[in-house]
Amino acid sequence: VQLQASGGGMVQAGGSLRLSCAASGRSFSSNAMGWFRQAPGKERWFVAAIAFSGGSTDYADFVKGRFTISRDNAKNTVYLQMNSLKPEDTAIYFCAAHRYSIQSRRPQDYDYWGQGTQVTVSS
């Protein structure tokens, strides 16, 4: 089972990036999915999560209104559209598959993790 995150890069403040997380080895259509981020020397923080059906989402306050999480279960892929990026959004972004179908914010509720993709926002 593998989660492959991609789409990171370097962008100027105010720009946009779209992260993708493709799962392989098994279907995650019954699992909630989430995105977390970790800046150097800091803890891993919850960013966004989506229920198995895509009908329910949750966002950290610091990305609400700027980021959008979505999923395509036919492609076994989850996305994170990031707009109006700020330098403080700079971090490694990780996707994760939840143990159950409804999302939560706790990293310990997620059983599978991708390798992370670097997002760097310059001022």
C-alpha atoms as a PDB file:
ATOM      1  CA  VAL A   1       0.000   0.000   0.000  1.00  0.00           C
ATOM      2  CA  GLN A   2       1.420   3.351  -1.017  1.00  0.00           C
ATOM      3  CA  LEU A   3       0.328   6.976  -0.960  1.00  0.00           C
ATOM      4  CA  GLN A   4       2.238   9.100  -3.420  1.00  0.00           C
ATOM      5  CA  ALA A   5       2.018  12.855  -2.890  1.00  0.00           C
ATOM      6  CA  SER A   6       3.003  15.205  -5.684  1.00  0.00           C
ATOM      7  CA  GLY A   7       2.499  18.746  -6.911  1.00  0.00           C
ATOM      8  CA  GLY A   8       4.655  20.628  -4.461  1.00  0.00           C
ATOM      9  CA  GLY A   9       7.109  23.279  -5.528  1.00  0.00           C
ATOM     10  CA  MET A  10       8.194  26.832  -5.093  1.00  0.00           C
ATOM     11  CA  VAL A  11       5.748  29.683  -5.596  1.00  0.00           C
ATOM     12  CA  GLN A  12       5.525  33.355  -4.758  1.00  0.00           C
ATOM     13  CA  ALA A  13       3.168  34.653  -2.116  1.00  0.00           C
ATOM     14  CA  GLY A  14      -0.335  34.923  -3.495  1.00  0.00           C
ATOM     15  CA  GLY A  15       0.209  32.065  -5.893  1.00  0.00           C
ATOM     16  CA  SER A  16      -1.446  28.662  -6.136  1.00  0.00           C
ATOM     17  CA  LEU A  17      -0.480  25.016  -6.123  1.00  0.00           C
ATOM     18  CA  ARG A  18      -2.479  21.821  -6.436  1.00  0.00           C
ATOM     19  CA  LEU A  19      -1.284  18.802  -4.518  1.00  0.00           C
ATOM     20  CA  SER A  20      -2.282  15.286  -5.478  1.00  0.00           C
ATOM     21  CA  CYS A  21      -2.123  12.082  -3.480  1.00  0.00           C
ATOM     22  CA  ALA A  22      -2.485   8.896  -5.468  1.00  0.00           C
ATOM     23  CA  ALA A  23      -3.078   5.660  -3.597  1.00  0.00           C
ATOM     24  CA  SER A  24      -2.036   2.264  -4.838  1.00  0.00           C
ATOM     25  CA  GLY A  25      -2.193  -1.251  -3.496  1.00  0.00           C
ATOM     26  CA  ARG A  26      -5.761  -0.971  -2.252  1.00  0.00           C
ATOM     27  CA  SER A  27      -8.816   1.219  -2.588  1.00  0.00           C
ATOM     28  CA  PHE A  28      -9.371   3.989  -0.059  1.00  0.00           C
ATOM     29  CA  SER A  29     -12.869   4.842  -1.263  1.00  0.00           C
ATOM     30  CA  SER A  30     -14.230   3.784   2.145  1.00  0.00           C
ATOM     31  CA  ASN A  31     -11.703   5.806   4.117  1.00  0.00           C
ATOM     32  CA  ALA A  32     -11.550   9.450   5.013  1.00  0.00           C
ATOM     33  CA  MET A  33      -8.397  11.156   3.758  1.00  0.00           C
ATOM     34  CA  GLY A  34      -6.401  14.020   5.170  1.00  0.00           C
ATOM     35  CA  TRP A  35      -3.582  16.444   4.542  1.00  0.00           C
ATOM     36  CA  PHE A  36      -1.090  17.485   7.205  1.00  0.00           C
ATOM     37  CA  ARG A  37       1.965  19.693   7.073  1.00  0.00           C
ATOM     38  CA  GLN A  38       5.222  19.970   8.947  1.00  0.00           C
ATOM     39  CA  ALA A  39       7.571  22.921   8.946  1.00  0.00           C
ATOM     40  CA  PRO A  40      11.232  22.524   9.985  1.00  0.00           C
ATOM     41  CA  GLY A  41      11.531  22.071  13.730  1.00  0.00           C
ATOM     42  CA  LYS A  42       7.781  22.015  14.239  1.00  0.00           C
ATOM     43  CA  GLU A  43       5.122  19.409  14.862  1.00  0.00           C
ATOM     44  CA  ARG A  44       2.932  17.930  12.175  1.00  0.00           C
ATOM     45  CA  TRP A  45      -0.257  19.979  11.874  1.00  0.00           C
ATOM     46  CA  PHE A  46      -3.642  19.082  10.526  1.00  0.00           C
ATOM     47  CA  VAL A  47      -4.537  20.997   7.352  1.00  0.00           C
ATOM     48  CA  ALA A  48      -7.664  19.478   5.826  1.00  0.00           C
ATOM     49  CA  ALA A  49      -9.637  16.257   5.660  1.00  0.00           C
ATOM     50  CA  ILE A  50     -12.480  14.780   3.664  1.00  0.00           C
ATOM     51  CA  ALA A  51     -14.931  12.001   4.399  1.00  0.00           C
ATOM     52  CA  PHE A  52     -15.030   8.839   2.294  1.00  0.00           C
ATOM     53  CA  SER A  53     -17.811  10.125   0.048  1.00  0.00           C
ATOM     54  CA  GLY A  54     -16.466  13.652  -0.267  1.00  0.00           C
ATOM     55  CA  GLY A  55     -19.655  14.975   1.284  1.00  0.00           C
ATOM     56  CA  SER A  56     -17.990  16.341   4.388  1.00  0.00           C
ATOM     57  CA  THR A  57     -14.791  18.328   4.755  1.00  0.00           C
ATOM     58  CA  ASP A  58     -12.868  19.960   7.574  1.00  0.00           C
ATOM     59  CA  TYR A  59     -10.189  22.645   7.482  1.00  0.00           C
ATOM     60  CA  ALA A  60      -7.751  24.143   9.904  1.00  0.00           C
ATOM     61  CA  ASP A  61      -8.580  27.772  10.597  1.00  0.00           C
ATOM     62  CA  PHE A  62      -5.328  28.975   9.068  1.00  0.00           C
ATOM     63  CA  VAL A  63      -6.248  27.598   5.610  1.00  0.00           C
ATOM     64  CA  LYS A  64     -10.004  28.016   5.642  1.00  0.00           C
ATOM     65  CA  GLY A  65     -11.155  29.963   2.618  1.00  0.00           C
ATOM     66  CA  ARG A  66      -7.839  29.470   0.813  1.00  0.00           C
ATOM     67  CA  PHE A  67      -7.451  25.684   0.518  1.00  0.00           C
ATOM     68  CA  THR A  68      -9.908  23.148  -0.879  1.00  0.00           C
ATOM     69  CA  ILE A  69      -9.704  19.395  -0.403  1.00  0.00           C
ATOM     70  CA  SER A  70     -11.407  17.064  -2.853  1.00  0.00           C
ATOM     71  CA  ARG A  71     -11.233  13.456  -3.925  1.00  0.00           C
ATOM     72  CA  ASP A  72     -11.866  11.245  -6.924  1.00  0.00           C
ATOM     73  CA  ASN A  73     -12.580   7.750  -5.685  1.00  0.00           C
ATOM     74  CA  ALA A  74     -12.570   6.343  -9.202  1.00  0.00           C
ATOM     75  CA  LYS A  75      -8.913   7.418  -9.430  1.00  0.00           C
ATOM     76  CA  ASN A  76      -8.127   6.623  -5.790  1.00  0.00           C
ATOM     77  CA  THR A  77      -6.745  10.142  -5.510  1.00  0.00           C
ATOM     78  CA  VAL A  78      -7.202  13.077  -3.141  1.00  0.00           C
ATOM     79  CA  TYR A  79      -6.321  16.672  -3.961  1.00  0.00           C
ATOM     80  CA  LEU A  80      -5.492  19.844  -2.112  1.00  0.00           C
ATOM     81  CA  GLN A  81      -5.983  23.063  -4.038  1.00  0.00           C
ATOM     82  CA  MET A  82      -4.013  25.817  -2.354  1.00  0.00           C
ATOM     83  CA  ASN A  83      -4.717  29.426  -3.288  1.00  0.00           C
ATOM     84  CA  SER A  84      -3.506  32.737  -1.887  1.00  0.00           C
ATOM     85  CA  LEU A  85      -0.421  31.044  -0.529  1.00  0.00           C
ATOM     86  CA  LYS A  86       1.554  32.737   2.221  1.00  0.00           C
ATOM     87  CA  PRO A  87       5.192  32.293   3.296  1.00  0.00           C
ATOM     88  CA  GLU A  88       3.937  30.671   6.500  1.00  0.00           C
ATOM     89  CA  ASP A  89       2.407  27.890   4.387  1.00  0.00           C
ATOM     90  CA  THR A  90       5.940  26.694   3.658  1.00  0.00           C
ATOM     91  CA  ALA A  91       6.208  23.087   4.862  1.00  0.00           C
ATOM     92  CA  ILE A  92       6.297  19.490   3.806  1.00  0.00           C
ATOM     93  CA  TYR A  93       2.750  18.387   3.052  1.00  0.00           C
ATOM     94  CA  PHE A  94       1.701  14.817   3.806  1.00  0.00           C
ATOM     95  CA  CYS A  95      -1.400  12.974   2.733  1.00  0.00           C
ATOM     96  CA  ALA A  96      -2.837  10.244   4.903  1.00  0.00           C
ATOM     97  CA  ALA A  97      -5.596   7.646   4.893  1.00  0.00           C
ATOM     98  CA  HIS A  98      -7.864   7.512   7.910  1.00  0.00           C
ATOM     99  CA  ARG A  99      -8.713   4.344   9.737  1.00  0.00           C
ATOM    100  CA  TYR A 100     -12.432   4.997   9.316  1.00  0.00           C
ATOM    101  CA  SER A 101     -14.796   6.644   6.855  1.00  0.00           C
ATOM    102  CA  ILE A 102     -15.337   9.918   8.710  1.00  0.00           C
ATOM    103  CA  GLN A 103     -12.507  12.400   9.005  1.00  0.00           C
ATOM    104  CA  SER A 104     -10.783  13.656  12.139  1.00  0.00           C
ATOM    105  CA  ARG A 105      -7.877  15.948  12.955  1.00  0.00           C
ATOM    106  CA  ARG A 106      -5.722  13.603  15.009  1.00  0.00           C
ATOM    107  CA  PRO A 107      -2.672  12.167  13.199  1.00  0.00           C
ATOM    108  CA  GLN A 108      -2.956   8.979  15.260  1.00  0.00           C
ATOM    109  CA  ASP A 109      -6.302   8.233  13.562  1.00  0.00           C
ATOM    110  CA  TYR A 110      -4.547   7.882  10.195  1.00  0.00           C
ATOM    111  CA  ASP A 111      -2.985   4.530   9.375  1.00  0.00           C
ATOM    112  CA  TYR A 112      -1.256   5.180   6.045  1.00  0.00           C
ATOM    113  CA  TRP A 113       0.987   8.109   5.177  1.00  0.00           C
ATOM    114  CA  GLY A 114       2.583   9.385   1.998  1.00  0.00           C
ATOM    115  CA  GLN A 115       6.184  10.484   1.797  1.00  0.00           C
ATOM    116  CA  GLY A 116       5.414  14.200   1.673  1.00  0.00           C
ATOM    117  CA  THR A 117       5.884  16.929  -0.898  1.00  0.00           C
ATOM    118  CA  GLN A 118       7.709  20.187  -0.252  1.00  0.00           C
ATOM    119  CA  VAL A 119       5.853  23.470  -0.634  1.00  0.00           C
ATOM    120  CA  THR A 120       7.903  26.642  -0.469  1.00  0.00           C
ATOM    121  CA  VAL A 121       6.275  30.072  -0.619  1.00  0.00           C
ATOM    122  CA  SER A 122       8.541  33.072  -1.074  1.00  0.00           C
ATOM    123  CA  SER A 123       7.638  36.601  -0.055  1.00  0.00           C
END
